[in-house]
Each structure stands twice: as structure tokens, then as C-alpha cells.
Amino acid sequence: MVAQQPQYQAEVDFCLRVQAAGFRNLLTPHTEATRHSPHSAIASEPDKSEAPTLREDPFYSPHLSLDALFVETSNPSRRVKPWSAIRNRLASYSPIAPRSEGWDTKIVDHANRAELVEKYKREPDVWVERIEEVDFIWTEGSIADAIPQVFHGTFDCLIASHVIEHVPDLVGFLLSAERVLQPGGTVILAIPDKRFCFDYFRPLTMTGDVLEAHQQQRTRHTARTAYEHWFYTVTRNGQGAWGQEPVADLKLANPFSLAMSKLESLSTAPDAPYVDLHVWKFSPSSFELILLEVARMRKIDWRVEKVTPAIGCEFHAWLRRGAIEACAQLSDAAFDARRLTLLKAVVREMGEQARFAKL
């Protein structure tokens, strides 16, 4: 196995280059591939700038390092440990870890079960029978404020599905997660990928946007966020989300006159009724870049342990603590090299959006 290692690394490098070119790799036991070029014609070392994409490979062991492929172990391992108690955030009508299936969960939502049933009962694709009793209702303050103090530091995992793109203060939300989870706890996120949903034409969120919102301790969305949301969101064939397929027949979600009337009626006063909007727009690499830079500033201690490519309209991310220490161990040159790698990955992701466009 050791003697063949360069060959396997070359094959991994080839697959990464195929993916970077916009194609997908398919593994099947029914096809045999034959190499016609000599081994020396293929790079024996993979392109390290592509290393982050190995997080997307389900067959690459989480116990192996992303910096020295197939050579060094990952310390700590990127494997997400099993858990016994999960706090399932904003389960609404489709809980990810339902109590009915044996999960030991506490559910936080913006309304109680009866109100959620009333909200969704006319939706044709919603099975309201799946809605479970809500333990804690969150309407104001941080998510940690909605959970009684006695439960702080007791949970093994926080699951937030299509949540973080809504919260006015992303850093504040992640700091609240530190309060409710055990020191070794995991945050698992399902995040809309802006390339494959109604945020299609909206610009990506950058670290400065997140820092400004936290500095202002926002509890309401700004007029600028409302403008972007109401004026530039779109639907595709009447749907607000889609997947990795050709995109055509896009239509603005709101006529200009309707968007204007919504904007004119918006109040951003602290005591005004909360208006729910998408404020943060991510691709997998842009999300990882933001967390890396904010951790370097010692604002949060969450590091991206694993992130998937887009799956339909969303991608998934696993966060663990230790980001501040990990960043501190990087030299300035190494840290900037990682940032540049992620920035290049963002460009490739935007290129994927363009390749699917049939406008």
C-alpha cells in the first residue's frame, strides 16, 4: 500500500481536478477504467489548494489530515461523535431528530405546537401530524435566553435547520450555542446555498457584514436587508428552491410596486414587530471563510469540522470548538494561505452557479 501511495494520490488529484472543472465523480463497481498514459505523466502529489474539497468525500477518513493527504492523522479527528441528548432547534413541521423516533430532544421554536399546526395546516406538502410539542418558545433575545439556565451546558448537540440565515446577529447566535452546549458539543447546521434558492441574485455575505451586525447587537433586520430580500428574490417554475440542474424561467418574487409598499411599511425600531427575512447568504466555502476569519479575531470559538457540497438547495456543516487555539497555531502566512484557498473555492462555486444558468 505504501509503495502504491503516489499512484493513489494522483488518482485523487485527478478527481479533484475533474470536480474543479465543473464535473462530478461517479463511483461504480460495474466499470473498469484503464490508464493509457504512464504514471510519470500524472502528478504524484495532489494540489494542496484543493484539500478542503476532501471534506466533501464520504470515503476519505475523518481520522486523516486534510493538510497531508493519506499521510498524517487528523488531530483532533473530524469524526462527529454520537450523542445522547440533542436540542433540535426550530423543528417546525419537519423535525430532524423527532422524539417519536426515540431521540432525547428539547425543541425550541417561535410558537407552540397548536400555533404551528394552524400556521401550516393549509400547506399541501406539510404533514402537521409530525409537529411535536415545543419545549421552549423563542421570540426575543438570544436563543440561550429562551432556554432555562438549568439546561445550559447540558446538551451534546444543537441542530439548526434553515435557521442561521434568518438571525440578525450571527455571531451572537453562535455565542449562545456555546452557552447551551457541553464543552465537547457539536453544532449541526443545514444552510441554504444561495446559488440554488430564491437568494440567487443576491450577493454573498462577507465577514464585515457579520461583524457589523454583531457590533450593533441587532435584533431586527435593517432596511437594506429588507430591500435586498423583497426586491431581488426570485422563484423558479414557481418554487423558491431547487438543486444542481439547469436554471431557467426565473421570475421576481415580488413586483416592484409590492416590494416598495413592503419597504415603506417597514419599521426597524427595537420594539417594532419582528419581520422575518433572509439576511445571510452563503455558499459552502464562503461560510467556512467567515467562521475562520471571525475565529482569528477571537470572536467565536467554532471551527468548521466538516462541510458538504450543496445537496439540493442546502449544504450541511458540523462545528466544534477549538477554533481560537487552532488559528493561534497558524503563522500569518499559513493563515492567509488558507484564506486564499477558500476565496478561490468561492470563485469556483460561483462558476458552478453560472454553468447551471440557462438565462
Foldseek 3Di string as FASTA:
>chain_A
DVVCLLVVQLVVQVQLVCVLVQDHDDDDPVDDDDDPDDPVVTGSHHDLLSLQQCLAPPPQFQQCDSRHGPPHGDVVRLDDDDFQEEEFEACQQHTPQAVVVPHHYAYEHQDFLVVSCVVCVPPPPGDSVSRDGHRWHDDDDEPLVRDDLVQWQPGQEYEEEQPLLWALANLSNQVSVNGRHHQFHKYKYKHFACLFFQVNPPDADALVSNVVSVVVVARADDLVQLLSFQFRGWAFPNHGGWFQAAGDDIDRPHDPVRSVVVSVPDDRDPPDRHDTTRRHHHFQLRVQLNVLVCLCVVSHFWHFSGKHHDDGRIIMTMIHGHSNVVNVPDDPVRSVSSNVSSVVVVVSVVVSSVVSYPD
